[in-house]
Amino acid sequence: MSWPEGRDPLEQLTLLGADWLRVLRADPGLSARFLPADWPAARSAAVYRRCFDALLLAGQRRLDRELAPAVPG
């Protein structure tokens, strides 16, 4: 999975994390045996992980640039 060019990866990681927390808060946290067979927890986690992995390297690079000491010019 690739991420759209021109989008700020740190912003996207932050939004992804906020959305994921919302999903986790809505999940009842019950054992799988008490949930319907089509409960989307595993699929949701897989989508989150793919998106996170797609953004991680670009996000790390962006953060490194932001935190790098200014080079005197």
PDB file of N, CA and C in Angstrom:
ATOM      1  N   MET A   1       0.854  -1.176   0.000  1.00  0.00           N
ATOM      2  CA  MET A   1       0.000   0.000   0.000  1.00  0.00           C
ATOM      3  C   MET A   1       0.893   1.230   0.000  1.00  0.00           C
ATOM      4  N   SER A   2       0.610   2.143  -0.870  1.00  0.00           N
ATOM      5  CA  SER A   2       1.348   3.403  -0.875  1.00  0.00           C
ATOM      6  C   SER A   2       0.406   4.515  -0.444  1.00  0.00           C
ATOM      7  N   TRP A   3       0.994   5.566   0.034  1.00  0.00           N
ATOM      8  CA  TRP A   3       0.196   6.688   0.535  1.00  0.00           C
ATOM      9  C   TRP A   3       0.224   7.822  -0.468  1.00  0.00           C
ATOM     10  N   PRO A   4      -0.835   8.618  -0.561  1.00  0.00           N
ATOM     11  CA  PRO A   4      -0.866   9.710  -1.546  1.00  0.00           C
ATOM     12  C   PRO A   4       0.288  10.686  -1.353  1.00  0.00           C
ATOM     13  N   GLU A   5       0.908  11.044  -2.455  1.00  0.00           N
ATOM     14  CA  GLU A   5       1.989  12.030  -2.416  1.00  0.00           C
ATOM     15  C   GLU A   5       1.422  13.390  -2.000  1.00  0.00           C
ATOM     16  N   GLY A   6       2.256  14.186  -1.358  1.00  0.00           N
ATOM     17  CA  GLY A   6       1.857  15.530  -0.992  1.00  0.00           C
ATOM     18  C   GLY A   6       1.100  15.619   0.326  1.00  0.00           C
ATOM     19  N   ARG A   7       0.779  14.509   0.920  1.00  0.00           N
ATOM     20  CA  ARG A   7       0.091  14.524   2.211  1.00  0.00           C
ATOM     21  C   ARG A   7       1.146  14.466   3.306  1.00  0.00           C
ATOM     22  N   ASP A   8       0.957  15.220   4.349  1.00  0.00           N
ATOM     23  CA  ASP A   8       1.904  15.232   5.462  1.00  0.00           C
ATOM     24  C   ASP A   8       1.795  13.911   6.222  1.00  0.00           C
ATOM     25  N   PRO A   9       2.853  13.099   6.216  1.00  0.00           N
ATOM     26  CA  PRO A   9       2.765  11.791   6.852  1.00  0.00           C
ATOM     27  C   PRO A   9       2.573  11.872   8.370  1.00  0.00           C
ATOM     28  N   LEU A  10       3.115  12.900   9.016  1.00  0.00           N
ATOM     29  CA  LEU A  10       2.894  13.029  10.461  1.00  0.00           C
ATOM     30  C   LEU A  10       1.438  13.348  10.758  1.00  0.00           C
ATOM     31  N   GLU A  11       0.862  14.200   9.944  1.00  0.00           N
ATOM     32  CA  GLU A  11      -0.562  14.505  10.102  1.00  0.00           C
ATOM     33  C   GLU A  11      -1.399  13.248   9.885  1.00  0.00           C
ATOM     34  N   GLN A  12      -1.070  12.499   8.851  1.00  0.00           N
ATOM     35  CA  GLN A  12      -1.827  11.292   8.550  1.00  0.00           C
ATOM     36  C   GLN A  12      -1.667  10.242   9.645  1.00  0.00           C
ATOM     37  N   LEU A  13      -0.463  10.094  10.190  1.00  0.00           N
ATOM     38  CA  LEU A  13      -0.259   9.153  11.302  1.00  0.00           C
ATOM     39  C   LEU A  13      -1.069   9.568  12.528  1.00  0.00           C
ATOM     40  N   THR A  14      -1.115  10.864  12.791  1.00  0.00           N
ATOM     41  CA  THR A  14      -1.881  11.366  13.928  1.00  0.00           C
ATOM     42  C   THR A  14      -3.369  11.093  13.741  1.00  0.00           C
ATOM     43  N   LEU A  15      -3.875  11.375  12.553  1.00  0.00           N
ATOM     44  CA  LEU A  15      -5.288  11.120  12.274  1.00  0.00           C
ATOM     45  C   LEU A  15      -5.601   9.625  12.315  1.00  0.00           C
ATOM     46  N   LEU A  16      -4.698   8.815  11.793  1.00  0.00           N
ATOM     47  CA  LEU A  16      -4.888   7.374  11.833  1.00  0.00           C
ATOM     48  C   LEU A  16      -4.963   6.886  13.275  1.00  0.00           C
ATOM     49  N   GLY A  17      -4.047   7.383  14.118  1.00  0.00           N
ATOM     50  CA  GLY A  17      -4.058   6.990  15.526  1.00  0.00           C
ATOM     51  C   GLY A  17      -5.335   7.415  16.234  1.00  0.00           C
ATOM     52  N   ALA A  18      -5.802   8.621  15.946  1.00  0.00           N
ATOM     53  CA  ALA A  18      -7.038   9.106  16.569  1.00  0.00           C
ATOM     54  C   ALA A  18      -8.231   8.260  16.127  1.00  0.00           C
ATOM     55  N   ASP A  19      -8.284   7.937  14.843  1.00  0.00           N
ATOM     56  CA  ASP A  19      -9.375   7.089  14.349  1.00  0.00           C
ATOM     57  C   ASP A  19      -9.319   5.700  14.967  1.00  0.00           C
ATOM     58  N   TRP A  20      -8.107   5.158  15.095  1.00  0.00           N
ATOM     59  CA  TRP A  20      -7.954   3.825  15.678  1.00  0.00           C
ATOM     60  C   TRP A  20      -8.398   3.826  17.137  1.00  0.00           C
ATOM     61  N   LEU A  21      -8.079   4.853  17.878  1.00  0.00           N
ATOM     62  CA  LEU A  21      -8.536   4.931  19.271  1.00  0.00           C
ATOM     63  C   LEU A  21     -10.059   4.963  19.346  1.00  0.00           C
ATOM     64  N   ARG A  22     -10.677   5.653  18.415  1.00  0.00           N
ATOM     65  CA  ARG A  22     -12.144   5.693  18.372  1.00  0.00           C
ATOM     66  C   ARG A  22     -12.708   4.284  18.137  1.00  0.00           C
ATOM     67  N   VAL A  23     -12.075   3.536  17.244  1.00  0.00           N
ATOM     68  CA  VAL A  23     -12.512   2.159  16.983  1.00  0.00           C
ATOM     69  C   VAL A  23     -12.340   1.313  18.240  1.00  0.00           C
ATOM     70  N   LEU A  24     -11.202   1.439  18.887  1.00  0.00           N
ATOM     71  CA  LEU A  24     -10.954   0.642  20.094  1.00  0.00           C
ATOM     72  C   LEU A  24     -11.947   0.963  21.206  1.00  0.00           C
ATOM     73  N   ARG A  25     -12.306   2.214  21.341  1.00  0.00           N
ATOM     74  CA  ARG A  25     -13.264   2.595  22.378  1.00  0.00           C
ATOM     75  C   ARG A  25     -14.666   2.059  22.089  1.00  0.00           C
ATOM     76  N   ALA A  26     -14.992   1.894  20.810  1.00  0.00           N
ATOM     77  CA  ALA A  26     -16.318   1.392  20.434  1.00  0.00           C
ATOM     78  C   ALA A  26     -16.398  -0.133  20.530  1.00  0.00           C
ATOM     79  N   ASP A  27     -15.258  -0.795  20.495  1.00  0.00           N
ATOM     80  CA  ASP A  27     -15.241  -2.253  20.553  1.00  0.00           C
ATOM     81  C   ASP A  27     -15.559  -2.701  21.978  1.00  0.00           C
ATOM     82  N   PRO A  28     -16.448  -3.690  22.130  1.00  0.00           N
ATOM     83  CA  PRO A  28     -16.797  -4.112  23.484  1.00  0.00           C
ATOM     84  C   PRO A  28     -15.684  -4.870  24.195  1.00  0.00           C
ATOM     85  N   GLY A  29     -14.679  -5.319  23.482  1.00  0.00           N
ATOM     86  CA  GLY A  29     -13.555  -6.010  24.107  1.00  0.00           C
ATOM     87  C   GLY A  29     -13.900  -7.398  24.622  1.00  0.00           C
ATOM     88  N   LEU A  30     -14.944  -7.978  24.079  1.00  0.00           N
ATOM     89  CA  LEU A  30     -15.347  -9.315  24.496  1.00  0.00           C
ATOM     90  C   LEU A  30     -14.500 -10.371  23.813  1.00  0.00           C
ATOM     91  N   SER A  31     -14.456 -11.531  24.415  1.00  0.00           N
ATOM     92  CA  SER A  31     -13.795 -12.668  23.801  1.00  0.00           C
ATOM     93  C   SER A  31     -14.498 -12.976  22.480  1.00  0.00           C
ATOM     94  N   ALA A  32     -13.752 -13.478  21.508  1.00  0.00           N
ATOM     95  CA  ALA A  32     -14.307 -13.764  20.181  1.00  0.00           C
ATOM     96  C   ALA A  32     -15.488 -14.726  20.255  1.00  0.00           C
ATOM     97  N   ARG A  33     -15.503 -15.595  21.233  1.00  0.00           N
ATOM     98  CA  ARG A  33     -16.612 -16.563  21.314  1.00  0.00           C
ATOM     99  C   ARG A  33     -17.952 -15.904  21.641  1.00  0.00           C
ATOM    100  N   PHE A  34     -17.919 -14.664  22.158  1.00  0.00           N
ATOM    101  CA  PHE A  34     -19.148 -13.955  22.490  1.00  0.00           C
ATOM    102  C   PHE A  34     -19.575 -12.961  21.398  1.00  0.00           C
ATOM    103  N   LEU A  35     -18.810 -12.897  20.328  1.00  0.00           N
ATOM    104  CA  LEU A  35     -19.082 -11.948  19.251  1.00  0.00           C
ATOM    105  C   LEU A  35     -19.584 -12.685  18.016  1.00  0.00           C
ATOM    106  N   PRO A  36     -20.313 -11.992  17.161  1.00  0.00           N
ATOM    107  CA  PRO A  36     -20.755 -12.625  15.915  1.00  0.00           C
ATOM    108  C   PRO A  36     -19.552 -13.054  15.075  1.00  0.00           C
ATOM    109  N   ALA A  37     -19.755 -14.061  14.258  1.00  0.00           N
ATOM    110  CA  ALA A  37     -18.667 -14.595  13.428  1.00  0.00           C
ATOM    111  C   ALA A  37     -18.101 -13.544  12.483  1.00  0.00           C
ATOM    112  N   ASP A  38     -18.916 -12.582  12.090  1.00  0.00           N
ATOM    113  CA  ASP A  38     -18.447 -11.566  11.143  1.00  0.00           C
ATOM    114  C   ASP A  38     -17.967 -10.280  11.832  1.00  0.00           C
ATOM    115  N   TRP A  39     -17.663 -10.356  13.131  1.00  0.00           N
ATOM    116  CA  TRP A  39     -17.187  -9.176  13.856  1.00  0.00           C
ATOM    117  C   TRP A  39     -15.909  -8.669  13.190  1.00  0.00           C
ATOM    118  N   PRO A  40     -15.805  -7.378  12.890  1.00  0.00           N
ATOM    119  CA  PRO A  40     -14.718  -6.869  12.041  1.00  0.00           C
ATOM    120  C   PRO A  40     -13.391  -6.574  12.753  1.00  0.00           C
ATOM    121  N   ALA A  41     -13.189  -7.026  13.948  1.00  0.00           N
ATOM    122  CA  ALA A  41     -11.975  -6.655  14.690  1.00  0.00           C
ATOM    123  C   ALA A  41     -10.690  -7.044  13.955  1.00  0.00           C
ATOM    124  N   ALA A  42     -10.602  -8.270  13.480  1.00  0.00           N
ATOM    125  CA  ALA A  42      -9.365  -8.715  12.814  1.00  0.00           C
ATOM    126  C   ALA A  42      -9.140  -7.935  11.515  1.00  0.00           C
ATOM    127  N   ARG A  43     -10.205  -7.725  10.751  1.00  0.00           N
ATOM    128  CA  ARG A  43     -10.066  -6.957   9.504  1.00  0.00           C
ATOM    129  C   ARG A  43      -9.666  -5.516   9.800  1.00  0.00           C
ATOM    130  N   SER A  44     -10.268  -4.930  10.822  1.00  0.00           N
ATOM    131  CA  SER A  44      -9.940  -3.546  11.193  1.00  0.00           C
ATOM    132  C   SER A  44      -8.477  -3.425  11.602  1.00  0.00           C
ATOM    133  N   ALA A  45      -8.009  -4.367  12.382  1.00  0.00           N
ATOM    134  CA  ALA A  45      -6.610  -4.334  12.815  1.00  0.00           C
ATOM    135  C   ALA A  45      -5.677  -4.475  11.619  1.00  0.00           C
ATOM    136  N   ALA A  46      -6.036  -5.312  10.661  1.00  0.00           N
ATOM    137  CA  ALA A  46      -5.199  -5.492   9.470  1.00  0.00           C
ATOM    138  C   ALA A  46      -5.146  -4.213   8.639  1.00  0.00           C
ATOM    139  N   VAL A  47      -6.260  -3.531   8.488  1.00  0.00           N
ATOM    140  CA  VAL A  47      -6.292  -2.271   7.737  1.00  0.00           C
ATOM    141  C   VAL A  47      -5.452  -1.219   8.452  1.00  0.00           C
ATOM    142  N   TYR A  48      -5.617  -1.113   9.770  1.00  0.00           N
ATOM    143  CA  TYR A  48      -4.822  -0.162  10.546  1.00  0.00           C
ATOM    144  C   TYR A  48      -3.332  -0.437  10.340  1.00  0.00           C
ATOM    145  N   ARG A  49      -2.936  -1.692  10.472  1.00  0.00           N
ATOM    146  CA  ARG A  49      -1.515  -2.049  10.372  1.00  0.00           C
ATOM    147  C   ARG A  49      -0.968  -1.720   8.981  1.00  0.00           C
ATOM    148  N   ARG A  50      -1.735  -2.010   7.923  1.00  0.00           N
ATOM    149  CA  ARG A  50      -1.274  -1.687   6.568  1.00  0.00           C
ATOM    150  C   ARG A  50      -1.093  -0.176   6.400  1.00  0.00           C
ATOM    151  N   CYS A  51      -2.051   0.596   6.887  1.00  0.00           N
ATOM    152  CA  CYS A  51      -1.947   2.057   6.781  1.00  0.00           C
ATOM    153  C   CYS A  51      -0.775   2.584   7.596  1.00  0.00           C
ATOM    154  N   PHE A  52      -0.630   2.089   8.817  1.00  0.00           N
ATOM    155  CA  PHE A  52       0.468   2.517   9.677  1.00  0.00           C
ATOM    156  C   PHE A  52       1.814   2.201   9.027  1.00  0.00           C
ATOM    157  N   ASP A  53       1.960   0.978   8.541  1.00  0.00           N
ATOM    158  CA  ASP A  53       3.216   0.580   7.903  1.00  0.00           C
ATOM    159  C   ASP A  53       3.515   1.425   6.669  1.00  0.00           C
ATOM    160  N   ALA A  54       2.472   1.772   5.908  1.00  0.00           N
ATOM    161  CA  ALA A  54       2.663   2.581   4.708  1.00  0.00           C
ATOM    162  C   ALA A  54       3.130   3.997   5.041  1.00  0.00           C
ATOM    163  N   LEU A  55       2.749   4.491   6.187  1.00  0.00           N
ATOM    164  CA  LEU A  55       3.087   5.865   6.587  1.00  0.00           C
ATOM    165  C   LEU A  55       4.356   5.970   7.426  1.00  0.00           C
ATOM    166  N   LEU A  56       4.768   4.887   8.023  1.00  0.00           N
ATOM    167  CA  LEU A  56       5.813   4.950   9.043  1.00  0.00           C
ATOM    168  C   LEU A  56       7.133   5.541   8.552  1.00  0.00           C
ATOM    169  N   LEU A  57       7.673   5.048   7.467  1.00  0.00           N
ATOM    170  CA  LEU A  57       8.979   5.522   7.008  1.00  0.00           C
ATOM    171  C   LEU A  57       8.935   7.011   6.663  1.00  0.00           C
ATOM    172  N   ALA A  58       7.912   7.420   5.919  1.00  0.00           N
ATOM    173  CA  ALA A  58       7.797   8.842   5.570  1.00  0.00           C
ATOM    174  C   ALA A  58       7.592   9.686   6.821  1.00  0.00           C
ATOM    175  N   GLY A  59       6.842   9.175   7.781  1.00  0.00           N
ATOM    176  CA  GLY A  59       6.628   9.900   9.033  1.00  0.00           C
ATOM    177  C   GLY A  59       7.918  10.045   9.825  1.00  0.00           C
ATOM    178  N   GLN A  60       8.708   8.988   9.868  1.00  0.00           N
ATOM    179  CA  GLN A  60       9.996   9.056  10.572  1.00  0.00           C
ATOM    180  C   GLN A  60      10.931  10.061   9.911  1.00  0.00           C
ATOM    181  N   ARG A  61      10.952  10.048   8.587  1.00  0.00           N
ATOM    182  CA  ARG A  61      11.810  11.009   7.870  1.00  0.00           C
ATOM    183  C   ARG A  61      11.374  12.441   8.142  1.00  0.00           C
ATOM    184  N   ARG A  62      10.078  12.668   8.116  1.00  0.00           N
ATOM    185  CA  ARG A  62       9.560  14.012   8.373  1.00  0.00           C
ATOM    186  C   ARG A  62       9.890  14.452   9.785  1.00  0.00           C
ATOM    187  N   LEU A  63       9.715  13.574  10.749  1.00  0.00           N
ATOM    188  CA  LEU A  63      10.022  13.907  12.137  1.00  0.00           C
ATOM    189  C   LEU A  63      11.516  14.194  12.302  1.00  0.00           C
ATOM    190  N   ASP A  64      12.352  13.390  11.664  1.00  0.00           N
ATOM    191  CA  ASP A  64      13.797  13.642  11.721  1.00  0.00           C
ATOM    192  C   ASP A  64      14.135  15.028  11.184  1.00  0.00           C
ATOM    193  N   ARG A  65      13.491  15.429  10.080  1.00  0.00           N
ATOM    194  CA  ARG A  65      13.738  16.769   9.525  1.00  0.00           C
ATOM    195  C   ARG A  65      13.286  17.853  10.496  1.00  0.00           C
ATOM    196  N   GLU A  66      12.149  17.649  11.130  1.00  0.00           N
ATOM    197  CA  GLU A  66      11.615  18.657  12.048  1.00  0.00           C
ATOM    198  C   GLU A  66      12.479  18.798  13.297  1.00  0.00           C
ATOM    199  N   LEU A  67      13.043  17.696  13.743  1.00  0.00           N
ATOM    200  CA  LEU A  67      13.810  17.707  14.988  1.00  0.00           C
ATOM    201  C   LEU A  67      15.301  17.950  14.784  1.00  0.00           C
ATOM    202  N   ALA A  68      15.744  17.949  13.543  1.00  0.00           N
ATOM    203  CA  ALA A  68      17.163  18.157  13.261  1.00  0.00           C
ATOM    204  C   ALA A  68      17.549  19.575  13.661  1.00  0.00           C
ATOM    205  N   PRO A  69      18.727  19.705  14.257  1.00  0.00           N
ATOM    206  CA  PRO A  69      19.157  21.073  14.615  1.00  0.00           C
ATOM    207  C   PRO A  69      19.338  21.910  13.355  1.00  0.00           C
ATOM    208  N   ALA A  70      19.013  23.156  13.480  1.00  0.00           N
ATOM    209  CA  ALA A  70      19.160  24.070  12.342  1.00  0.00           C
ATOM    210  C   ALA A  70      20.634  24.205  12.002  1.00  0.00           C
ATOM    211  N   VAL A  71      20.918  24.119  10.737  1.00  0.00           N
ATOM    212  CA  VAL A  71      22.292  24.264  10.259  1.00  0.00           C
ATOM    213  C   VAL A  71      22.544  25.746  10.001  1.00  0.00           C
ATOM    214  N   PRO A  72      23.544  26.314  10.673  1.00  0.00           N
ATOM    215  CA  PRO A  72      23.815  27.742  10.442  1.00  0.00           C
ATOM    216  C   PRO A  72      24.178  27.966   8.972  1.00  0.00           C
ATOM    217  N   GLY A  73      23.605  29.013   8.393  1.00  0.00           N
ATOM    218  CA  GLY A  73      23.832  29.296   6.979  1.00  0.00           C
ATOM    219  C   GLY A  73      24.701  30.441   6.812  1.00  0.00           C
TER     220      GLY A  73
END
